[in-house]
């Protein structure tokens, strides 16, 4: 992702945090910036390695605390199947995360399908189940990797 877009995401995150009465600290901003700039999901330890070039003496608890905050504010999403994190493309409103994950190149695309979210909510409700984080991860092959394979 280009630096101008990352700067816009950070500015929006700062504004959202101010509106919510919480602080986007230097560590939290660094984690968010690294996730948005990476173009791919990162694990906590990949973030820690990258933070060493940004912050003085980052530690695993620093990264995990920042991730917990960013998750709580809806600024990042956790991809359970990859044990990795990605910047949220729709942080200004609560929504269920739906991701298309290419298992060939690692590209992740976030989609927001209200119909799918409602269908899952209704299915859970019919069974007395209340989801905490209704995230859908679909593993497959992106269009670029499919095209390469078919050549």
N, C-alpha and C. Protein backbone atom coordinates (compact mmCIF):
# COMPACT_ATOMS: atom_id res chain seq x y z
N UNK A 1 0.86 -1.16 0.00
CA UNK A 1 0.00 0.00 0.00
C UNK A 1 0.91 1.23 0.00
N UNK A 2 0.54 2.24 -0.79
CA UNK A 2 1.41 3.41 -0.88
C UNK A 2 1.35 4.25 0.40
N UNK A 3 2.39 5.06 0.61
CA UNK A 3 2.52 5.80 1.87
C UNK A 3 1.42 6.85 2.05
N UNK A 4 0.93 7.43 0.98
CA UNK A 4 -0.17 8.40 1.11
C UNK A 4 -1.42 7.74 1.66
N UNK A 5 -1.72 6.55 1.16
CA UNK A 5 -2.90 5.82 1.64
C UNK A 5 -2.73 5.41 3.10
N UNK A 6 -1.53 4.96 3.45
CA UNK A 6 -1.26 4.61 4.84
C UNK A 6 -1.42 5.84 5.73
N UNK A 7 -0.91 6.99 5.28
CA UNK A 7 -1.06 8.23 6.06
C UNK A 7 -2.53 8.58 6.26
N UNK A 8 -3.36 8.38 5.22
CA UNK A 8 -4.80 8.65 5.35
C UNK A 8 -5.45 7.71 6.36
N UNK A 9 -5.05 6.44 6.34
CA UNK A 9 -5.59 5.47 7.29
C UNK A 9 -5.20 5.86 8.72
N UNK A 10 -3.96 6.26 8.91
CA UNK A 10 -3.49 6.65 10.25
C UNK A 10 -4.25 7.90 10.71
N UNK A 11 -4.42 8.87 9.82
CA UNK A 11 -5.16 10.09 10.18
C UNK A 11 -6.59 9.74 10.57
N UNK A 12 -7.22 8.84 9.84
CA UNK A 12 -8.59 8.42 10.16
C UNK A 12 -8.62 7.69 11.51
N UNK A 13 -7.63 6.85 11.75
CA UNK A 13 -7.55 6.12 13.02
C UNK A 13 -7.38 7.10 14.19
N UNK A 14 -6.54 8.12 14.00
CA UNK A 14 -6.35 9.13 15.05
C UNK A 14 -7.66 9.85 15.33
N UNK A 15 -8.38 10.21 14.29
CA UNK A 15 -9.66 10.90 14.45
C UNK A 15 -10.68 10.01 15.17
N UNK A 16 -10.75 8.75 14.79
CA UNK A 16 -11.68 7.82 15.44
C UNK A 16 -11.33 7.66 16.92
N UNK A 17 -10.05 7.56 17.21
CA UNK A 17 -9.63 7.41 18.61
C UNK A 17 -9.99 8.65 19.42
N UNK A 18 -9.78 9.84 18.86
CA UNK A 18 -10.15 11.08 19.56
C UNK A 18 -11.65 11.10 19.83
N UNK A 19 -12.45 10.74 18.80
CA UNK A 19 -13.91 10.71 18.96
C UNK A 19 -14.34 9.75 20.05
N UNK A 20 -13.60 8.66 20.20
CA UNK A 20 -13.95 7.62 21.18
C UNK A 20 -13.32 7.87 22.54
N UNK A 21 -12.50 8.90 22.65
CA UNK A 21 -11.87 9.23 23.93
C UNK A 21 -10.74 8.29 24.32
N UNK A 22 -10.07 7.70 23.33
CA UNK A 22 -8.93 6.82 23.59
C UNK A 22 -7.71 7.37 22.84
N UNK A 23 -6.52 6.88 23.20
CA UNK A 23 -5.30 7.41 22.60
C UNK A 23 -4.66 6.42 21.64
N UNK A 24 -4.26 6.92 20.49
CA UNK A 24 -3.45 6.14 19.56
C UNK A 24 -2.00 6.50 19.87
N UNK A 25 -1.40 5.73 20.79
CA UNK A 25 -0.04 6.01 21.24
C UNK A 25 0.97 5.75 20.12
N UNK A 26 2.19 6.11 20.37
CA UNK A 26 3.26 5.89 19.38
C UNK A 26 3.39 4.41 19.03
N UNK A 27 3.34 3.54 20.04
CA UNK A 27 3.46 2.10 19.80
C UNK A 27 2.27 1.58 18.99
N UNK A 28 1.07 2.01 19.36
CA UNK A 28 -0.13 1.57 18.65
C UNK A 28 -0.10 2.04 17.21
N UNK A 29 0.29 3.29 17.01
CA UNK A 29 0.37 3.82 15.65
C UNK A 29 1.42 3.07 14.84
N UNK A 30 2.54 2.75 15.46
CA UNK A 30 3.61 2.02 14.75
C UNK A 30 3.11 0.66 14.28
N UNK A 31 2.38 -0.04 15.14
CA UNK A 31 1.85 -1.36 14.77
C UNK A 31 0.84 -1.21 13.63
N UNK A 32 -0.06 -0.25 13.75
CA UNK A 32 -1.07 -0.03 12.70
C UNK A 32 -0.40 0.36 11.38
N UNK A 33 0.57 1.24 11.44
CA UNK A 33 1.28 1.68 10.23
C UNK A 33 1.99 0.49 9.56
N UNK A 34 2.65 -0.33 10.35
CA UNK A 34 3.34 -1.50 9.79
C UNK A 34 2.37 -2.48 9.14
N UNK A 35 1.23 -2.69 9.80
CA UNK A 35 0.23 -3.60 9.23
C UNK A 35 -0.33 -3.06 7.91
N UNK A 36 -0.63 -1.78 7.89
CA UNK A 36 -1.21 -1.18 6.68
C UNK A 36 -0.20 -1.11 5.54
N UNK A 37 1.05 -0.88 5.87
CA UNK A 37 2.08 -0.74 4.85
C UNK A 37 2.55 -2.08 4.31
N UNK A 38 2.34 -3.15 5.06
CA UNK A 38 2.91 -4.45 4.67
C UNK A 38 2.27 -5.03 3.42
N UNK A 39 0.99 -4.77 3.22
CA UNK A 39 0.31 -5.35 2.07
C UNK A 39 -0.03 -6.82 2.26
N UNK A 40 0.32 -7.38 3.40
CA UNK A 40 -0.03 -8.77 3.70
C UNK A 40 -0.19 -8.92 5.20
N UNK A 41 -0.86 -9.95 5.65
CA UNK A 41 -1.02 -10.15 7.09
C UNK A 41 0.34 -10.40 7.74
N UNK A 42 0.47 -9.96 8.98
CA UNK A 42 1.70 -10.16 9.74
C UNK A 42 1.38 -10.80 11.09
N UNK A 43 2.25 -11.70 11.52
CA UNK A 43 2.11 -12.27 12.86
C UNK A 43 2.66 -11.27 13.87
N UNK A 44 2.39 -11.51 15.13
CA UNK A 44 2.89 -10.62 16.18
C UNK A 44 4.42 -10.58 16.17
N UNK A 45 5.06 -11.71 15.92
CA UNK A 45 6.52 -11.72 15.92
C UNK A 45 7.11 -11.08 14.67
N UNK A 46 6.41 -11.15 13.55
CA UNK A 46 6.85 -10.39 12.38
C UNK A 46 6.75 -8.90 12.66
N UNK A 47 5.67 -8.50 13.33
CA UNK A 47 5.53 -7.10 13.72
C UNK A 47 6.65 -6.68 14.67
N UNK A 48 6.96 -7.53 15.63
CA UNK A 48 8.03 -7.23 16.57
C UNK A 48 9.35 -7.02 15.83
N UNK A 49 9.66 -7.89 14.88
CA UNK A 49 10.90 -7.73 14.09
C UNK A 49 10.91 -6.41 13.34
N UNK A 50 9.78 -6.04 12.74
CA UNK A 50 9.71 -4.80 11.98
C UNK A 50 9.72 -3.57 12.89
N UNK A 51 9.20 -3.72 14.10
CA UNK A 51 9.18 -2.58 15.03
C UNK A 51 10.57 -2.23 15.53
N UNK A 52 11.48 -3.18 15.48
CA UNK A 52 12.84 -2.91 15.95
C UNK A 52 13.49 -1.79 15.16
N UNK A 53 13.06 -1.57 13.94
CA UNK A 53 13.58 -0.48 13.15
C UNK A 53 12.84 0.83 13.36
N UNK A 54 11.76 0.78 14.15
CA UNK A 54 10.90 1.95 14.34
C UNK A 54 10.94 2.47 15.79
N UNK A 55 10.87 1.55 16.74
CA UNK A 55 10.83 1.92 18.16
C UNK A 55 12.05 1.36 18.88
N UNK A 56 12.41 1.99 19.97
CA UNK A 56 13.53 1.53 20.77
C UNK A 56 13.09 0.38 21.67
N UNK A 57 13.75 -0.75 21.55
CA UNK A 57 13.54 -1.93 22.40
C UNK A 57 12.09 -2.40 22.50
N UNK A 58 11.43 -2.67 21.39
CA UNK A 58 10.06 -3.21 21.51
C UNK A 58 10.11 -4.63 22.08
N UNK A 59 9.08 -5.00 22.81
CA UNK A 59 8.99 -6.33 23.41
C UNK A 59 7.69 -6.99 22.98
N UNK A 60 7.60 -8.31 23.09
CA UNK A 60 6.34 -8.97 22.74
C UNK A 60 5.12 -8.40 23.46
N UNK A 61 5.19 -8.12 24.78
CA UNK A 61 4.00 -7.53 25.43
C UNK A 61 3.59 -6.19 24.81
N UNK A 62 4.57 -5.40 24.36
CA UNK A 62 4.25 -4.12 23.72
C UNK A 62 3.42 -4.35 22.47
N UNK A 63 3.84 -5.32 21.67
CA UNK A 63 3.12 -5.62 20.43
C UNK A 63 1.74 -6.17 20.73
N UNK A 64 1.65 -7.11 21.66
CA UNK A 64 0.35 -7.71 21.98
C UNK A 64 -0.62 -6.70 22.59
N UNK A 65 -0.12 -5.81 23.45
CA UNK A 65 -1.00 -4.77 24.01
C UNK A 65 -1.50 -3.84 22.91
N UNK A 66 -0.62 -3.47 21.98
CA UNK A 66 -1.03 -2.61 20.87
C UNK A 66 -2.07 -3.33 20.01
N UNK A 67 -1.83 -4.60 19.72
CA UNK A 67 -2.79 -5.36 18.91
C UNK A 67 -4.14 -5.49 19.60
N UNK A 68 -4.13 -5.75 20.92
CA UNK A 68 -5.39 -5.83 21.67
C UNK A 68 -6.17 -4.52 21.56
N UNK A 69 -5.47 -3.40 21.73
CA UNK A 69 -6.12 -2.10 21.61
C UNK A 69 -6.69 -1.90 20.21
N UNK A 70 -5.87 -2.15 19.19
CA UNK A 70 -6.30 -1.93 17.80
C UNK A 70 -7.46 -2.85 17.42
N UNK A 71 -7.45 -4.08 17.92
CA UNK A 71 -8.58 -5.00 17.70
C UNK A 71 -9.84 -4.45 18.37
N UNK A 72 -9.69 -4.00 19.59
CA UNK A 72 -10.82 -3.46 20.34
C UNK A 72 -11.44 -2.24 19.69
N UNK A 73 -10.63 -1.47 18.99
CA UNK A 73 -11.12 -0.27 18.32
C UNK A 73 -11.56 -0.56 16.88
N UNK A 74 -11.43 -1.81 16.44
CA UNK A 74 -11.83 -2.17 15.08
C UNK A 74 -10.89 -1.64 14.01
N UNK A 75 -9.65 -1.35 14.39
CA UNK A 75 -8.68 -0.81 13.43
C UNK A 75 -7.88 -1.90 12.73
N UNK A 76 -7.85 -3.08 13.34
CA UNK A 76 -7.21 -4.25 12.72
C UNK A 76 -8.13 -5.45 12.90
N UNK A 77 -7.86 -6.46 12.12
CA UNK A 77 -8.60 -7.73 12.22
C UNK A 77 -7.58 -8.84 12.42
N UNK A 78 -7.97 -9.86 13.16
CA UNK A 78 -7.12 -11.04 13.33
C UNK A 78 -7.62 -12.13 12.42
N UNK A 79 -6.71 -12.69 11.65
CA UNK A 79 -7.01 -13.82 10.79
C UNK A 79 -6.61 -15.08 11.54
N UNK A 80 -7.59 -15.76 12.08
CA UNK A 80 -7.35 -16.91 12.94
C UNK A 80 -6.60 -18.03 12.21
N UNK A 81 -6.97 -18.28 10.96
CA UNK A 81 -6.34 -19.38 10.23
C UNK A 81 -4.86 -19.15 9.98
N UNK A 82 -4.44 -17.90 9.95
CA UNK A 82 -3.04 -17.56 9.70
C UNK A 82 -2.31 -17.14 10.97
N UNK A 83 -3.03 -16.97 12.07
CA UNK A 83 -2.45 -16.43 13.31
C UNK A 83 -1.74 -15.12 13.01
N UNK A 84 -2.41 -14.27 12.22
CA UNK A 84 -1.82 -13.02 11.76
C UNK A 84 -2.86 -11.91 11.79
N UNK A 85 -2.39 -10.70 11.60
CA UNK A 85 -3.24 -9.51 11.69
C UNK A 85 -3.15 -8.71 10.40
N UNK A 86 -4.21 -7.96 10.13
CA UNK A 86 -4.28 -7.12 8.95
C UNK A 86 -5.03 -5.84 9.32
N UNK A 87 -4.66 -4.73 8.71
CA UNK A 87 -5.38 -3.49 8.94
C UNK A 87 -6.80 -3.59 8.40
N UNK A 88 -7.75 -3.01 9.11
CA UNK A 88 -9.15 -3.05 8.70
C UNK A 88 -9.42 -1.97 7.66
N UNK A 89 -10.13 -2.33 6.61
CA UNK A 89 -10.44 -1.36 5.55
C UNK A 89 -11.71 -0.57 5.84
N UNK A 90 -12.46 -0.95 6.87
CA UNK A 90 -13.70 -0.25 7.23
C UNK A 90 -13.72 0.04 8.73
N UNK A 91 -12.75 0.80 9.26
CA UNK A 91 -12.67 0.95 10.72
C UNK A 91 -13.71 1.89 11.31
N UNK A 92 -14.40 2.66 10.48
CA UNK A 92 -15.30 3.67 11.02
C UNK A 92 -16.67 3.13 11.40
N UNK A 93 -16.93 1.86 11.14
CA UNK A 93 -18.21 1.29 11.58
C UNK A 93 -18.02 -0.19 11.91
N UNK A 94 -18.73 -0.68 12.93
CA UNK A 94 -18.62 -2.10 13.29
C UNK A 94 -19.17 -2.97 12.17
N UNK A 95 -18.50 -4.06 11.90
CA UNK A 95 -18.95 -4.99 10.87
C UNK A 95 -18.29 -6.35 11.08
N UNK A 96 -18.90 -7.35 10.49
CA UNK A 96 -18.34 -8.69 10.55
C UNK A 96 -17.22 -8.78 9.51
N UNK A 97 -16.11 -9.35 9.89
CA UNK A 97 -14.99 -9.49 8.96
C UNK A 97 -15.18 -10.69 8.06
N UNK A 98 -15.02 -10.48 6.78
CA UNK A 98 -15.08 -11.55 5.80
C UNK A 98 -13.86 -11.41 4.91
N UNK A 99 -13.08 -12.48 4.80
CA UNK A 99 -11.79 -12.40 4.12
C UNK A 99 -11.63 -13.52 3.10
N UNK A 100 -11.10 -13.14 1.96
CA UNK A 100 -10.71 -14.09 0.92
C UNK A 100 -9.19 -14.18 0.99
N UNK A 101 -8.67 -15.38 1.29
CA UNK A 101 -7.24 -15.55 1.54
C UNK A 101 -6.67 -16.50 0.48
N UNK A 102 -5.72 -16.01 -0.30
CA UNK A 102 -5.07 -16.84 -1.31
C UNK A 102 -4.00 -17.68 -0.63
N UNK A 103 -4.15 -18.99 -0.73
CA UNK A 103 -3.16 -19.86 -0.08
C UNK A 103 -1.92 -20.06 -0.94
N UNK A 104 -1.89 -19.47 -2.14
CA UNK A 104 -0.71 -19.54 -2.98
C UNK A 104 0.23 -18.35 -2.74
N UNK A 105 -0.31 -17.13 -2.76
CA UNK A 105 0.54 -15.93 -2.62
C UNK A 105 0.34 -15.20 -1.30
N UNK A 106 -0.70 -15.54 -0.55
CA UNK A 106 -0.93 -14.90 0.74
C UNK A 106 -1.76 -13.63 0.69
N UNK A 107 -2.20 -13.22 -0.50
CA UNK A 107 -3.02 -12.01 -0.61
C UNK A 107 -4.31 -12.18 0.16
N UNK A 108 -4.71 -11.13 0.87
CA UNK A 108 -5.95 -11.15 1.64
C UNK A 108 -6.80 -9.98 1.19
N UNK A 109 -8.06 -10.26 0.88
CA UNK A 109 -9.01 -9.23 0.50
C UNK A 109 -10.15 -9.25 1.51
N UNK A 110 -10.41 -8.08 2.10
CA UNK A 110 -11.54 -7.98 3.02
C UNK A 110 -12.77 -7.59 2.22
N UNK A 111 -13.87 -8.29 2.46
CA UNK A 111 -15.14 -7.94 1.84
C UNK A 111 -16.13 -7.67 2.96
N UNK A 112 -17.14 -6.92 2.64
CA UNK A 112 -18.18 -6.63 3.62
C UNK A 112 -19.52 -6.94 2.98
N UNK A 113 -20.05 -8.10 3.30
CA UNK A 113 -21.31 -8.56 2.72
C UNK A 113 -22.34 -8.66 3.83
N UNK A 114 -23.23 -7.69 3.89
CA UNK A 114 -24.25 -7.64 4.94
C UNK A 114 -25.16 -8.87 4.89
N UNK A 115 -25.45 -9.37 3.70
CA UNK A 115 -26.30 -10.55 3.57
C UNK A 115 -25.67 -11.78 4.20
N UNK A 116 -24.39 -11.96 3.98
CA UNK A 116 -23.68 -13.09 4.57
C UNK A 116 -23.63 -12.95 6.09
N UNK A 117 -23.34 -11.75 6.56
CA UNK A 117 -23.29 -11.51 8.00
C UNK A 117 -24.65 -11.80 8.65
N UNK A 118 -25.72 -11.35 8.01
CA UNK A 118 -27.06 -11.58 8.55
C UNK A 118 -27.42 -13.06 8.53
N UNK A 119 -27.05 -13.75 7.47
CA UNK A 119 -27.31 -15.18 7.37
C UNK A 119 -26.60 -15.94 8.50
N UNK A 120 -25.36 -15.59 8.77
CA UNK A 120 -24.63 -16.25 9.86
C UNK A 120 -25.24 -15.91 11.22
N UNK A 121 -25.62 -14.64 11.40
CA UNK A 121 -26.25 -14.24 12.66
C UNK A 121 -27.54 -15.02 12.88
N UNK A 122 -28.37 -15.12 11.84
CA UNK A 122 -29.64 -15.82 11.94
C UNK A 122 -29.43 -17.31 12.21
N UNK A 123 -28.44 -17.92 11.55
CA UNK A 123 -28.14 -19.33 11.78
C UNK A 123 -27.71 -19.57 13.22
N UNK A 124 -26.87 -18.69 13.73
CA UNK A 124 -26.45 -18.81 15.12
C UNK A 124 -27.60 -18.61 16.08
N UNK A 125 -28.41 -17.59 15.82
CA UNK A 125 -29.55 -17.28 16.68
C UNK A 125 -30.52 -18.46 16.72
N UNK A 126 -30.74 -19.11 15.60
CA UNK A 126 -31.66 -20.25 15.54
C UNK A 126 -31.17 -21.41 16.42
N UNK A 127 -29.87 -21.41 16.71
CA UNK A 127 -29.29 -22.47 17.55
C UNK A 127 -28.93 -21.97 18.95
N UNK A 128 -29.37 -20.75 19.26
CA UNK A 128 -29.07 -20.18 20.58
C UNK A 128 -27.62 -19.78 20.75
N UNK A 129 -26.94 -19.55 19.64
CA UNK A 129 -25.52 -19.20 19.66
C UNK A 129 -25.33 -17.72 19.39
N UNK A 130 -24.51 -17.07 20.19
CA UNK A 130 -24.23 -15.64 20.01
C UNK A 130 -22.74 -15.49 19.71
N UNK A 131 -22.42 -15.06 18.50
CA UNK A 131 -21.02 -14.92 18.09
C UNK A 131 -20.37 -13.70 18.73
N UNK A 132 -19.13 -13.85 19.17
CA UNK A 132 -18.35 -12.73 19.70
C UNK A 132 -17.68 -11.97 18.57
N UNK A 133 -17.10 -12.71 17.67
CA UNK A 133 -16.39 -12.12 16.52
C UNK A 133 -16.79 -12.92 15.28
N UNK A 134 -17.83 -12.49 14.59
CA UNK A 134 -18.30 -13.25 13.42
C UNK A 134 -17.41 -13.03 12.20
N UNK A 135 -16.29 -13.73 12.19
CA UNK A 135 -15.32 -13.58 11.11
C UNK A 135 -15.38 -14.80 10.21
N UNK A 136 -15.39 -14.57 8.92
CA UNK A 136 -15.39 -15.64 7.94
C UNK A 136 -14.09 -15.54 7.15
N UNK A 137 -13.37 -16.66 7.07
CA UNK A 137 -12.13 -16.71 6.30
C UNK A 137 -12.30 -17.78 5.23
N UNK A 138 -12.18 -17.37 3.99
CA UNK A 138 -12.32 -18.31 2.87
C UNK A 138 -10.94 -18.48 2.24
N UNK A 139 -10.43 -19.70 2.30
CA UNK A 139 -9.14 -20.01 1.70
C UNK A 139 -9.35 -20.48 0.27
N UNK A 140 -8.49 -20.03 -0.62
CA UNK A 140 -8.61 -20.41 -2.02
C UNK A 140 -7.46 -19.82 -2.81
N UNK A 141 -7.73 -19.53 -4.08
CA UNK A 141 -6.70 -19.01 -4.97
C UNK A 141 -7.19 -17.74 -5.63
N UNK A 142 -6.37 -16.68 -5.55
CA UNK A 142 -6.74 -15.39 -6.14
C UNK A 142 -6.67 -15.48 -7.67
N UNK A 143 -7.20 -14.46 -8.32
CA UNK A 143 -7.27 -14.46 -9.78
C UNK A 143 -5.87 -14.49 -10.42
N UNK A 144 -4.91 -13.79 -9.83
CA UNK A 144 -3.54 -13.79 -10.40
C UNK A 144 -2.90 -15.18 -10.32
N UNK A 145 -3.03 -15.82 -9.16
CA UNK A 145 -2.44 -17.14 -9.02
C UNK A 145 -3.16 -18.19 -9.85
N UNK A 146 -4.47 -18.03 -10.00
CA UNK A 146 -5.22 -18.94 -10.87
C UNK A 146 -4.76 -18.80 -12.30
N UNK A 147 -4.57 -17.55 -12.75
CA UNK A 147 -4.11 -17.30 -14.12
C UNK A 147 -2.71 -17.87 -14.33
N UNK A 148 -1.82 -17.71 -13.37
CA UNK A 148 -0.46 -18.27 -13.49
C UNK A 148 -0.51 -19.78 -13.59
N UNK A 149 -1.35 -20.39 -12.77
CA UNK A 149 -1.45 -21.85 -12.75
C UNK A 149 -2.02 -22.37 -14.07
N UNK A 150 -2.95 -21.61 -14.68
CA UNK A 150 -3.60 -22.07 -15.90
C UNK A 150 -2.77 -21.84 -17.16
N UNK A 151 -1.64 -21.15 -17.03
CA UNK A 151 -0.81 -20.87 -18.22
C UNK A 151 -0.05 -22.10 -18.66
